[in-house]
Amino acid sequence: MIRALLSCPLATAATAAAFLAVLCAALPAEEKQEKKADASKIKGKRVAILVTDGFEQVEMTGPRKALDDAGAKTTLIAPKSGKVKSWDKADWGKEYAVDLTLDRAKADDFDALVLPGGVINPDKLRIDEKAVAFVKAFFDTGKPIGAICHGPWTLIDAGAVKGYKVTSWPSLKTDLKNAGATWVDEPVVVDRGLVTSRKPDDIPAFNKQIIEEFAEGKHDRSKKR
C-alpha cells in the first residue's frame, strides 16, 4: 500500500508522510486493544495466595491488589486460621485475615497460585508437607505460578524448578541452581507459566506478568525451552 502510494504521480512527500503518521499512530492502539482483550481473560480466575507468618507485606498486598483490580478472585491461604502477620522491611508489619486454611484448600479449586517472599515465610512453608503438596499440585497440573523474592524457596521443595529459567532474591541463587534451575538476574522471568521476580522493586513488572500468564491459563510443562 505504501509503495503504491509513493509511486502514484499525484502523491507528494507530504502525503506519504501524513499516511505513515496515521498508520504508525494506529498500531499502538491496536496493540493496546489486543492486550486489553487478553487481560480481560483473567476476570473470574481464582487465585490462591499462600503465606504464613513472616511474609513480606508488600509482596502480598501489591500482587493481590493488582489481581483483584484486574477482576480475579484472590484467596489468602495459610496453615492456620485467624490472622497471619506480615514482615514490613525491617520489622513486623500488619496482620491479615486468613480466608481459607491450608488443610481445607484444594488446588483443584483454583486457577493459579502466588507465593510472596520474606525470609521467614517460605522457610516455614517449605518444611510444611501440606504446603509443599499444595504447591506441587499447581505445578504438576500446568497451572501458572508466580513467586517473588524468597518465594521460590518453596518451589524447590515442590520439585518445580528443575530445567526452568528463574530469578529470585540473590541469596537463593545457589539453592536454585543446585535444584537444577537456570538462575538469571532479571526483574521478571517467565518460563512455561512459572513467573519469578527478585525483590519488592520488581513488583510492577511481576504484577503485569502474572496477570498475563494467569489469563492464559494452564501451560504445557512437558515442553522444554
Protein backbone atom coordinates (compact mmCIF):
# COMPACT_ATOMS: atom_id res chain seq x y z
CA MET A 1 0.00 0.00 0.00
CA ILE A 2 2.78 2.41 0.93
CA ARG A 3 4.76 1.52 -2.22
CA ALA A 4 1.66 2.10 -4.35
CA LEU A 5 1.06 5.47 -2.72
CA LEU A 6 4.62 6.61 -3.32
CA SER A 7 4.50 5.52 -6.99
CA CYS A 8 1.33 7.49 -7.65
CA PRO A 9 2.11 10.60 -9.74
CA LEU A 10 -0.22 12.70 -7.63
CA ALA A 11 1.43 11.68 -4.39
CA THR A 12 3.75 14.08 -2.68
CA ALA A 13 6.27 13.61 0.10
CA ALA A 14 3.88 15.38 2.43
CA THR A 15 1.05 12.99 1.51
CA ALA A 16 3.21 9.95 2.14
CA ALA A 17 4.46 11.32 5.44
CA ALA A 18 0.92 12.03 6.59
CA PHE A 19 -0.17 8.50 5.67
CA LEU A 20 2.73 6.95 7.55
CA ALA A 21 1.97 9.06 10.61
CA VAL A 22 -1.63 7.85 10.67
CA LEU A 23 -0.54 4.23 10.19
CA CYS A 24 2.03 4.38 12.98
CA ALA A 25 -0.43 6.05 15.34
CA ALA A 26 -2.97 3.29 14.73
CA LEU A 27 -0.64 0.40 15.52
CA PRO A 28 -0.13 1.10 19.24
CA ALA A 29 -3.90 1.47 19.68
CA GLU A 30 -4.46 -1.94 18.12
CA GLU A 31 -1.79 -3.48 20.31
CA LYS A 32 -3.31 -1.92 23.41
CA GLN A 33 -6.72 -3.23 22.44
CA GLU A 34 -5.31 -6.73 21.96
CA LYS A 35 -3.53 -6.65 25.33
CA LYS A 36 -6.68 -5.36 26.99
CA ALA A 37 -8.64 -8.25 25.48
CA ASP A 38 -6.05 -10.74 26.74
CA ALA A 39 -6.02 -9.22 30.22
CA SER A 40 -9.81 -9.43 30.39
CA LYS A 41 -9.47 -13.23 30.37
CA ILE A 42 -8.32 -13.09 33.99
CA LYS A 43 -11.75 -11.94 35.17
CA GLY A 44 -13.23 -14.55 37.45
CA LYS A 45 -9.98 -16.53 37.68
CA ARG A 46 -9.48 -17.96 41.17
CA VAL A 47 -6.04 -17.21 42.54
CA ALA A 48 -4.63 -18.74 45.71
CA ILE A 49 -2.07 -16.73 47.69
CA LEU A 50 -0.18 -18.99 50.07
CA VAL A 51 1.54 -17.45 53.09
CA THR A 52 2.38 -17.93 56.75
CA ASP A 53 3.67 -15.54 59.42
CA GLY A 54 6.62 -13.52 58.19
CA PHE A 55 5.66 -12.95 54.54
CA GLU A 56 6.89 -9.68 53.06
CA GLN A 57 3.88 -7.38 53.34
CA VAL A 58 4.13 -5.54 50.02
CA GLU A 59 4.84 -8.78 48.14
CA MET A 60 1.39 -9.99 49.11
CA THR A 61 -0.61 -6.75 49.07
CA GLY A 62 0.84 -5.46 45.78
CA PRO A 63 0.11 -8.52 43.62
CA ARG A 64 -3.21 -9.12 45.37
CA LYS A 65 -4.46 -5.61 44.63
CA ALA A 66 -3.33 -5.86 41.01
CA LEU A 67 -5.11 -9.18 40.56
CA ASP A 68 -8.28 -8.00 42.30
CA ASP A 69 -8.33 -4.81 40.23
CA ALA A 70 -7.98 -6.91 37.07
CA GLY A 71 -11.04 -8.94 38.02
CA ALA A 72 -9.51 -12.06 39.54
CA LYS A 73 -10.77 -13.55 42.80
CA THR A 74 -7.94 -13.91 45.30
CA THR A 75 -7.95 -16.09 48.42
CA LEU A 76 -5.40 -15.74 51.22
CA ILE A 77 -4.46 -19.22 52.40
CA ALA A 78 -2.36 -20.09 55.47
CA PRO A 79 -1.61 -23.15 57.62
CA LYS A 80 -3.56 -21.60 60.49
CA SER A 81 -6.90 -19.83 60.86
CA GLY A 82 -7.44 -16.30 62.12
CA LYS A 83 -4.75 -13.87 61.04
CA VAL A 84 -1.22 -14.01 59.66
CA LYS A 85 1.39 -11.42 60.46
CA SER A 86 3.45 -9.80 57.74
CA TRP A 87 7.02 -8.55 57.75
CA ASP A 88 7.46 -4.94 56.65
CA LYS A 89 11.06 -4.27 55.56
CA ALA A 90 12.91 -4.43 58.90
CA ASP A 91 10.19 -5.25 61.41
CA TRP A 92 6.83 -6.95 61.86
CA GLY A 93 4.05 -5.40 59.81
CA LYS A 94 0.27 -5.62 59.66
CA GLU A 95 -1.91 -8.65 60.27
CA TYR A 96 -4.23 -10.01 57.60
CA ALA A 97 -7.27 -12.22 57.88
CA VAL A 98 -6.90 -15.75 56.54
CA ASP A 99 -9.62 -16.61 54.02
CA LEU A 100 -9.00 -20.34 53.95
CA THR A 101 -6.84 -22.70 55.98
CA LEU A 102 -4.37 -24.90 54.15
CA ASP A 103 -5.93 -28.15 55.37
CA ARG A 104 -9.18 -27.17 53.62
CA ALA A 105 -7.61 -25.76 50.47
CA LYS A 106 -7.59 -27.77 47.25
CA ALA A 107 -5.52 -26.86 44.23
CA ASP A 108 -8.39 -28.08 42.04
CA ASP A 109 -10.48 -25.14 43.26
CA PHE A 110 -8.01 -22.56 41.92
CA ASP A 111 -6.62 -21.47 38.57
CA ALA A 112 -3.30 -20.00 39.69
CA LEU A 113 -1.00 -19.53 42.68
CA VAL A 114 1.04 -16.66 44.13
CA LEU A 115 3.94 -17.21 46.53
CA PRO A 116 5.07 -13.98 48.25
CA GLY A 117 8.55 -13.82 49.73
CA GLY A 118 10.00 -12.71 53.03
CA VAL A 119 12.72 -14.79 54.64
CA ILE A 120 10.60 -16.35 57.40
CA ASN A 121 7.53 -17.16 55.32
CA PRO A 122 8.90 -19.56 52.64
CA ASP A 123 11.36 -21.10 55.08
CA LYS A 124 8.38 -22.24 57.16
CA LEU A 125 6.27 -23.30 54.19
CA ARG A 126 8.99 -25.43 52.62
CA ILE A 127 9.04 -27.73 55.66
CA ASP A 128 5.25 -27.95 55.80
CA GLU A 129 4.26 -31.10 53.89
CA LYS A 130 0.76 -29.81 53.14
CA ALA A 131 2.12 -26.55 51.79
CA VAL A 132 4.64 -28.31 49.56
CA ALA A 133 1.96 -30.72 48.28
CA PHE A 134 -0.37 -27.79 47.57
CA VAL A 135 2.29 -26.00 45.51
CA LYS A 136 3.28 -29.20 43.70
CA ALA A 137 -0.33 -29.80 42.68
CA PHE A 138 -0.37 -26.49 40.80
CA PHE A 139 2.91 -27.25 39.10
CA ASP A 140 2.02 -30.82 38.13
CA THR A 141 -1.26 -29.75 36.51
CA GLY A 142 0.32 -26.94 34.47
CA LYS A 143 -1.35 -24.12 36.38
CA PRO A 144 0.53 -20.81 36.39
CA ILE A 145 2.52 -19.84 39.48
CA GLY A 146 4.02 -16.51 40.50
CA ALA A 147 6.81 -16.45 43.11
CA ILE A 148 8.74 -13.37 44.18
CA CYS A 149 11.89 -12.71 46.23
CA HIS A 150 12.35 -15.69 48.62
CA GLY A 151 9.11 -17.29 47.35
CA PRO A 152 10.94 -19.72 45.00
CA TRP A 153 12.36 -21.49 48.06
CA THR A 154 9.08 -23.39 48.36
CA LEU A 155 9.19 -24.21 44.65
CA ILE A 156 12.46 -26.07 45.20
CA ASP A 157 10.89 -28.45 47.72
CA ALA A 158 7.90 -28.91 45.41
CA GLY A 159 10.25 -30.07 42.65
CA ALA A 160 9.14 -27.20 40.45
CA VAL A 161 12.36 -25.54 39.26
CA LYS A 162 14.49 -28.22 37.60
CA GLY A 163 15.03 -27.29 33.97
CA TYR A 164 13.40 -23.89 34.41
CA LYS A 165 14.79 -20.40 33.97
CA VAL A 166 14.09 -18.39 37.13
CA THR A 167 15.13 -15.43 39.23
CA SER A 168 14.85 -14.63 42.93
CA TRP A 169 16.42 -12.74 45.79
CA PRO A 170 20.20 -13.15 45.18
CA SER A 171 20.79 -15.32 48.25
CA LEU A 172 18.67 -18.10 46.69
CA LYS A 173 20.83 -18.26 43.56
CA THR A 174 22.92 -21.24 44.65
CA ASP A 175 19.94 -23.14 46.08
CA LEU A 176 18.03 -22.76 42.83
CA LYS A 177 21.00 -23.73 40.67
CA ASN A 178 21.63 -26.78 42.84
CA ALA A 179 17.99 -27.74 42.32
CA GLY A 180 18.52 -27.72 38.56
CA ALA A 181 17.25 -24.26 37.64
CA THR A 182 18.94 -21.70 35.42
CA TRP A 183 19.19 -18.56 37.54
CA VAL A 184 19.35 -15.08 36.00
CA ASP A 185 19.45 -11.59 37.47
CA GLU A 186 16.41 -10.01 35.81
CA PRO A 187 13.34 -8.12 37.15
CA VAL A 188 10.93 -10.79 35.97
CA VAL A 189 11.37 -14.17 34.30
CA VAL A 190 8.68 -16.31 32.66
CA ASP A 191 9.12 -19.95 31.75
CA ARG A 192 6.10 -22.12 30.85
CA GLY A 193 3.75 -20.38 33.23
CA LEU A 194 6.26 -20.02 36.05
CA VAL A 195 6.76 -16.30 36.85
CA THR A 196 9.55 -15.23 39.19
CA SER A 197 10.91 -11.87 40.36
CA ARG A 198 13.75 -10.71 42.61
CA LYS A 199 12.50 -8.12 45.09
CA PRO A 200 9.83 -5.54 46.02
CA ASP A 201 11.17 -3.08 43.42
CA ASP A 202 10.19 -5.60 40.74
CA ILE A 203 6.54 -5.79 41.82
CA PRO A 204 5.17 -3.66 38.93
CA ALA A 205 6.82 -5.97 36.36
CA PHE A 206 5.81 -9.04 38.38
CA ASN A 207 2.17 -7.91 38.57
CA LYS A 208 1.97 -7.26 34.84
CA GLN A 209 3.39 -10.66 34.02
CA ILE A 210 1.30 -12.75 36.42
CA ILE A 211 -1.86 -11.11 35.08
CA GLU A 212 -0.84 -12.11 31.54
CA GLU A 213 0.19 -15.64 32.48
CA PHE A 214 -2.78 -16.28 34.75
CA ALA A 215 -5.10 -15.08 31.97
CA GLU A 216 -3.53 -17.62 29.59
CA GLY A 217 -4.36 -20.49 31.92
CA LYS A 218 -2.64 -23.87 32.01
CA HIS A 219 0.73 -24.38 30.36
CA ASP A 220 2.27 -27.49 28.82
CA ARG A 221 5.22 -28.16 31.10
CA SER A 222 6.35 -31.16 29.09
CA LYS A 223 7.86 -28.79 26.54
CA LYS A 224 11.43 -27.67 27.07
CA ARG A 225 12.65 -24.11 26.49
